[in-house]
Protein backbone atom coordinates (compact mmCIF):
# COMPACT_ATOMS: atom_id res chain seq x y z
CA MET A 1 0.00 0.00 0.00
CA PHE A 2 2.81 2.45 0.87
CA ILE A 3 4.60 1.61 -2.40
CA LYS A 4 1.41 2.30 -4.31
CA VAL A 5 0.97 5.71 -2.65
CA ALA A 6 4.63 6.73 -2.94
CA GLY A 7 4.61 5.73 -6.60
CA ARG A 8 2.38 8.70 -7.41
CA ASP A 9 5.34 11.09 -7.12
CA PHE A 10 8.46 8.91 -7.04
CA ALA A 11 9.97 6.74 -9.77
CA PRO A 12 10.57 3.13 -8.58
CA ALA A 13 14.38 3.44 -8.39
CA THR A 14 14.23 6.82 -6.63
CA MET A 15 11.65 5.59 -4.13
CA MET A 16 13.77 2.60 -3.21
CA MET A 17 16.99 4.63 -3.15
CA LEU A 18 15.43 6.94 -0.55
CA ARG A 19 14.01 3.97 1.33
CA LEU A 20 17.45 2.38 1.59
CA ALA A 21 19.17 5.69 2.39
CA VAL A 22 16.95 6.32 5.40
CA ALA A 23 16.97 2.69 6.56
CA SER A 24 20.75 2.24 6.27
CA THR A 25 21.34 5.50 8.15
CA ILE A 26 19.10 4.36 11.01
CA LEU A 27 20.77 0.94 11.16
CA LEU A 28 24.26 2.44 11.03
CA VAL A 29 23.50 4.85 13.90
CA VAL A 30 22.00 2.06 16.02
CA LEU A 31 24.96 -0.23 15.32
CA ALA A 32 27.48 2.50 16.15
CA ALA A 33 25.62 3.37 19.33
CA GLN A 34 25.91 -0.24 20.47
CA ARG A 35 29.44 -1.06 19.30
CA GLY A 36 31.20 2.28 18.82
CA TRP A 37 32.34 3.58 15.43
CA ARG A 38 35.68 1.76 15.37
CA ALA A 39 34.14 -1.63 16.16
CA THR A 40 31.31 -0.93 13.70
CA VAL A 41 33.74 -0.33 10.82
CA ALA A 42 35.74 -3.43 11.78
CA GLU A 43 32.64 -5.64 11.91
CA MET A 44 31.32 -4.37 8.58
CA ARG A 45 34.70 -5.01 6.97
CA GLY A 46 34.66 -8.49 8.43
CA VAL A 47 31.43 -9.32 6.64
CA GLY A 48 33.23 -8.85 3.33
CA TRP A 49 31.76 -8.46 -0.13
CA GLU A 50 29.02 -10.99 0.58
CA GLY A 51 27.28 -8.64 2.98
CA TYR A 52 27.08 -5.93 0.33
CA GLY A 53 26.12 -8.45 -2.36
CA LEU A 54 23.31 -9.66 -0.14
CA GLY A 55 21.87 -6.14 -0.20
CA VAL A 56 21.65 -6.31 -3.99
CA VAL A 57 19.62 -9.54 -4.13
CA ASN A 58 17.64 -8.97 -0.93
CA ALA A 59 16.88 -5.25 -1.31
CA ALA A 60 17.94 -3.34 -4.43
CA ILE A 61 16.61 -5.83 -6.99
CA PRO A 62 13.37 -7.03 -5.33
CA PHE A 63 12.42 -3.60 -3.94
CA THR A 64 12.71 -1.99 -7.37
CA LEU A 65 11.00 -4.84 -9.22
CA ILE A 66 8.00 -4.70 -6.90
CA ALA A 67 7.79 -0.90 -7.15
CA TRP A 68 7.97 -1.10 -10.95
CA GLY A 69 5.43 -3.91 -11.02
CA GLU A 70 2.97 -1.83 -9.01
CA THR A 71 3.00 0.82 -11.73
CA HIS A 72 1.05 -1.71 -13.82
CA ILE A 73 -0.84 -3.83 -11.25
CA ASP A 74 -2.60 -3.08 -7.98
CA SER A 75 -1.14 -3.79 -4.57
CA GLY A 76 -3.35 -6.84 -4.02
CA VAL A 77 -2.09 -8.59 -7.15
CA ALA A 78 1.48 -7.66 -6.17
CA ALA A 79 0.98 -9.22 -2.73
CA ILE A 80 -0.39 -12.39 -4.30
CA ALA A 81 2.56 -12.66 -6.72
CA ASN A 82 5.01 -12.03 -3.85
CA ALA A 83 3.51 -15.01 -2.03
CA SER A 84 5.32 -17.32 -4.47
CA MET A 85 8.57 -16.84 -2.51
CA PRO A 86 8.29 -20.00 -0.33
CA ILE A 87 8.11 -22.15 -3.45
CA PHE A 88 11.42 -20.71 -4.70
CA VAL A 89 12.96 -21.30 -1.26
CA ILE A 90 11.96 -24.96 -1.45
CA LEU A 91 13.33 -25.35 -4.97
CA LEU A 92 16.63 -23.60 -4.19
CA ALA A 93 17.04 -25.52 -0.93
CA ILE A 94 17.14 -28.81 -2.85
CA ARG A 95 20.51 -27.74 -4.24
CA PHE A 96 21.91 -25.16 -1.84
CA LYS A 97 20.45 -25.81 1.63
CA PRO A 98 19.47 -29.43 2.26
CA SER A 99 18.66 -28.64 5.91
CA GLU A 100 15.83 -26.37 4.71
CA ARG A 101 14.09 -29.07 2.71
CA VAL A 102 10.57 -29.73 3.84
CA GLY A 103 8.42 -32.81 3.84
CA GLY A 104 5.37 -34.34 5.46
CA LEU A 105 2.87 -31.89 6.93
CA ARG A 106 5.17 -28.92 6.42
CA LEU A 107 5.26 -29.61 2.67
CA VAL A 108 1.48 -29.98 2.72
CA GLY A 109 1.33 -26.57 4.43
CA PHE A 110 3.35 -24.94 1.66
CA LEU A 111 1.11 -26.50 -0.99
CA VAL A 112 -2.08 -25.52 0.85
CA GLY A 113 -0.82 -21.96 1.11
CA LEU A 114 -0.01 -21.91 -2.60
CA LEU A 115 -3.51 -23.20 -3.34
CA GLY A 116 -4.88 -20.32 -1.28
CA VAL A 117 -2.84 -17.87 -3.35
CA GLY A 118 -4.27 -19.44 -6.49
CA VAL A 119 -7.81 -19.07 -5.18
CA LEU A 120 -7.15 -15.43 -4.33
CA ALA A 121 -5.64 -14.74 -7.74
CA GLY A 122 -8.74 -16.07 -9.44
CA VAL A 123 -8.24 -14.69 -12.94
CA HIS A 124 -5.36 -13.07 -14.78
CA PRO A 125 -4.56 -9.53 -13.62
CA GLU A 126 -6.02 -6.62 -15.51
CA GLY A 127 -3.79 -4.48 -17.71
CA GLY A 128 -3.07 -6.84 -20.59
CA TRP A 129 0.58 -7.50 -21.37
CA TRP A 130 1.78 -4.72 -19.08
CA GLY A 131 -0.22 -6.25 -16.25
CA ALA A 132 1.34 -9.64 -16.98
CA LEU A 133 4.84 -8.09 -17.03
CA GLY A 134 4.12 -6.25 -13.78
CA THR A 135 3.08 -9.52 -12.15
CA LEU A 136 6.16 -11.29 -13.56
CA ALA A 137 8.37 -8.55 -12.10
CA VAL A 138 6.98 -9.24 -8.62
CA VAL A 139 7.46 -13.00 -9.10
CA LEU A 140 11.10 -12.36 -10.07
CA ALA A 141 11.40 -10.23 -6.94
CA SER A 142 10.16 -13.21 -4.93
CA PHE A 143 12.88 -15.37 -6.49
CA SER A 144 15.45 -12.75 -5.53
CA TYR A 145 14.08 -12.68 -1.97
CA ALA A 146 14.39 -16.47 -1.81
CA VAL A 147 18.05 -16.30 -2.85
CA GLY A 148 18.64 -13.57 -0.27
CA SER A 149 16.96 -15.53 2.51
CA LEU A 150 19.08 -18.64 2.01
CA TRP A 151 22.23 -16.56 1.60
CA GLY A 152 21.43 -14.45 4.64
CA GLN A 153 20.77 -17.54 6.76
CA ARG A 154 24.31 -18.71 6.02
CA LEU A 155 25.95 -15.34 6.63
CA VAL A 156 24.15 -14.59 9.89
CA THR A 157 25.80 -17.60 11.54
CA ARG A 158 29.14 -15.79 11.52
CA THR A 159 28.15 -12.20 12.26
CA SER A 160 25.46 -10.29 14.13
CA GLY A 161 22.11 -9.70 12.47
CA LEU A 162 22.38 -5.94 13.00
CA THR A 163 25.79 -5.80 11.33
CA LEU A 164 24.57 -7.87 8.40
CA ALA A 165 21.41 -5.75 8.04
CA THR A 166 23.43 -2.52 8.03
CA THR A 167 26.01 -3.80 5.55
CA SER A 168 23.43 -5.24 3.16
CA MET A 169 21.26 -2.12 3.13
CA LEU A 170 24.31 0.02 2.36
CA GLY A 171 25.22 -2.37 -0.45
CA GLY A 172 21.75 -2.06 -1.94
CA LEU A 173 21.87 1.73 -1.62
CA VAL A 174 25.18 2.01 -3.51
CA VAL A 175 23.75 0.03 -6.44
CA LEU A 176 20.54 2.08 -6.64
CA LEU A 177 22.16 5.48 -6.13
CA PRO A 178 22.91 6.33 -9.80
CA PHE A 179 19.48 5.13 -10.98
CA GLY A 180 17.60 6.90 -8.20
CA LEU A 181 19.39 10.22 -8.64
CA ARG A 182 18.68 10.12 -12.37
CA HIS A 183 14.92 10.02 -11.81
CA LEU A 184 14.48 12.52 -8.99
CA PRO A 185 11.03 14.21 -9.11
CA SER A 186 10.93 17.60 -10.83
CA SER A 187 8.55 19.03 -8.20
CA THR A 188 8.19 18.63 -4.44
CA PRO A 189 6.30 15.40 -3.63
CA GLY A 190 3.19 15.48 -1.44
CA TRP A 191 3.25 14.71 2.27
CA LYS A 192 1.45 11.39 1.78
CA GLU A 193 4.05 10.24 -0.70
CA ILE A 194 6.95 11.36 1.51
CA GLY A 195 5.29 9.78 4.54
CA SER A 196 4.88 6.51 2.66
CA VAL A 197 8.59 6.40 1.79
CA LEU A 198 9.48 7.06 5.44
CA ALA A 199 7.10 4.32 6.60
CA LEU A 200 8.71 1.89 4.16
CA ALA A 201 12.18 2.90 5.34
CA VAL A 202 11.61 2.84 9.12
CA PHE A 203 9.12 0.00 9.60
CA GLY A 204 9.31 -1.96 6.35
CA THR A 205 13.10 -1.93 6.12
CA ALA A 206 15.16 -0.87 9.17
CA LEU A 207 13.02 -2.58 11.82
CA ALA A 208 12.08 -5.43 9.47
CA GLN A 209 15.74 -6.21 8.67
CA ILE A 210 16.62 -6.50 12.35
CA ILE A 211 13.73 -8.93 12.88
CA LEU A 212 14.51 -10.80 9.64
CA TYR A 213 18.03 -11.86 10.56
CA ARG A 214 17.06 -12.83 14.09
CA VAL A 215 14.37 -15.15 12.76
CA LEU A 216 16.64 -16.47 9.99
CA ARG A 217 19.12 -17.47 12.67
CA SER A 218 16.51 -19.16 14.89
CA ASP A 219 14.05 -20.65 12.38
CA GLY A 220 15.62 -20.75 8.92
CA ALA A 221 14.71 -19.43 5.48
CA ALA A 222 11.84 -21.84 4.79
CA ARG A 223 9.82 -20.76 7.80
CA VAL A 224 10.71 -17.09 7.33
CA SER A 225 9.37 -17.25 3.77
CA LEU A 226 5.94 -18.23 5.07
CA VAL A 227 5.28 -14.63 6.03
CA THR A 228 4.71 -13.86 2.34
CA TYR A 229 1.59 -16.05 2.46
CA LEU A 230 0.12 -13.41 4.80
CA LEU A 231 0.66 -10.55 2.34
CA PRO A 232 -2.47 -11.22 0.25
CA VAL A 233 -4.55 -11.34 3.42
CA THR A 234 -3.32 -7.94 4.60
CA ALA A 235 -3.76 -6.53 1.09
CA LEU A 236 -7.39 -7.68 1.11
CA PHE A 237 -7.87 -6.05 4.49
CA TYR A 238 -6.52 -2.73 3.21
CA GLY A 239 -8.69 -2.94 0.11
CA THR A 240 -11.87 -3.72 2.02
CA VAL A 241 -11.44 -1.30 4.94
CA LEU A 242 -9.60 1.61 3.32
CA LEU A 243 -10.69 1.40 -0.33
CA ASP A 244 -14.25 0.06 0.08
CA GLU A 245 -13.57 -2.92 -2.18
CA PRO A 246 -16.01 -5.87 -1.93
CA LEU A 247 -14.94 -9.05 -0.18
CA THR A 248 -15.81 -12.16 -2.22
CA TRP A 249 -16.12 -15.80 -1.24
CA GLN A 250 -12.95 -16.57 -3.21
CA GLU A 251 -11.06 -14.10 -1.07
CA LEU A 252 -12.43 -15.58 2.15
CA ALA A 253 -11.60 -19.12 1.01
CA GLY A 254 -8.12 -18.01 0.02
CA MET A 255 -7.54 -16.46 3.44
CA VAL A 256 -8.55 -19.68 5.20
CA LEU A 257 -6.22 -21.75 2.99
CA ILE A 258 -3.33 -19.33 3.38
CA LEU A 259 -3.60 -19.15 7.17
CA GLY A 260 -3.94 -22.94 7.32
CA GLY A 261 -0.86 -23.29 5.13
CA VAL A 262 1.13 -20.99 7.40
CA ALA A 263 0.06 -22.96 10.47
CA LEU A 264 1.06 -26.29 8.91
CA GLY A 265 4.19 -25.05 7.15
CA SER A 266 5.59 -23.37 10.26
CA GLY A 267 4.91 -26.40 12.44
CA ALA A 268 2.55 -24.42 14.68
CA LEU A 269 -0.26 -26.85 13.85
CA ARG A 270 0.48 -30.52 14.30
CA LEU A 271 -1.88 -33.42 13.91
CA PRO A 272 -2.11 -35.62 17.01
CA ARG A 273 -0.16 -38.84 16.78
CA ARG A 274 -1.94 -42.08 17.50
CA GLU A 275 -0.41 -43.73 20.50
CA PRO A 276 0.30 -47.47 20.04
CA ALA A 277 -2.06 -49.74 21.92
CA PRO A 278 -0.51 -51.23 25.05
CA ALA A 279 0.56 -54.83 24.68
CA THR A 280 -1.77 -57.28 26.40
CA THR A 281 -0.35 -59.96 28.62
CA PRO A 282 -1.63 -63.50 28.19
């Protein structure tokens, strides 16, 4: 929703450049306040090029693809397309992270959630070929997020989550800087658009990155990716409450399937095991 609002006055690359500039500044100040500037520089150097590269695949690329996609599709369709991320995590884990492979009820949960996304999607997005390309851009962003999640899970085992978040956001900012500066708005943006960028930067990036790497360390990329199954649900809520859009039975059914998939896929919901019958003595 914030991307959609900010997109009225900001080009996708500029919007995400500003988002990363504010977020990386906040993270850098917090890290320096905790460690001191000398230790902060040493820790960020210790992460190496991978920390900055992570910011490209986990921020610069997906952020911009989603923002560009939303110039051709609405936020609800973007949220639905973004919910494909767990599938890419599963596919990539087969080759790169065997410990993140899923099976049994957890695999059923992923498939149930994907079915819910399909129910929510219903028909092809409006907008013709541009709508299809906008949706494809968000799906590609989900693939990039999946790569970043598995990569970040490996890196966070050898450095702090705050250091990795700061380094990666700075890496993403450096890549977007020339593109963002090239498309600066010619007039002063409105307060809603500026406020939306700040909300994305503070809550959707700085705070979210700190949480992300903590959960990657404790629960792994597969479970972290399940949060994307909740995006269509929140998008429907925004549309119904804030935009007066009707709520259909397909949307309700999709929400039930998605929430059920999250419960199964995360392991929060487990079916009771049948206890073996006690042996009888003759």
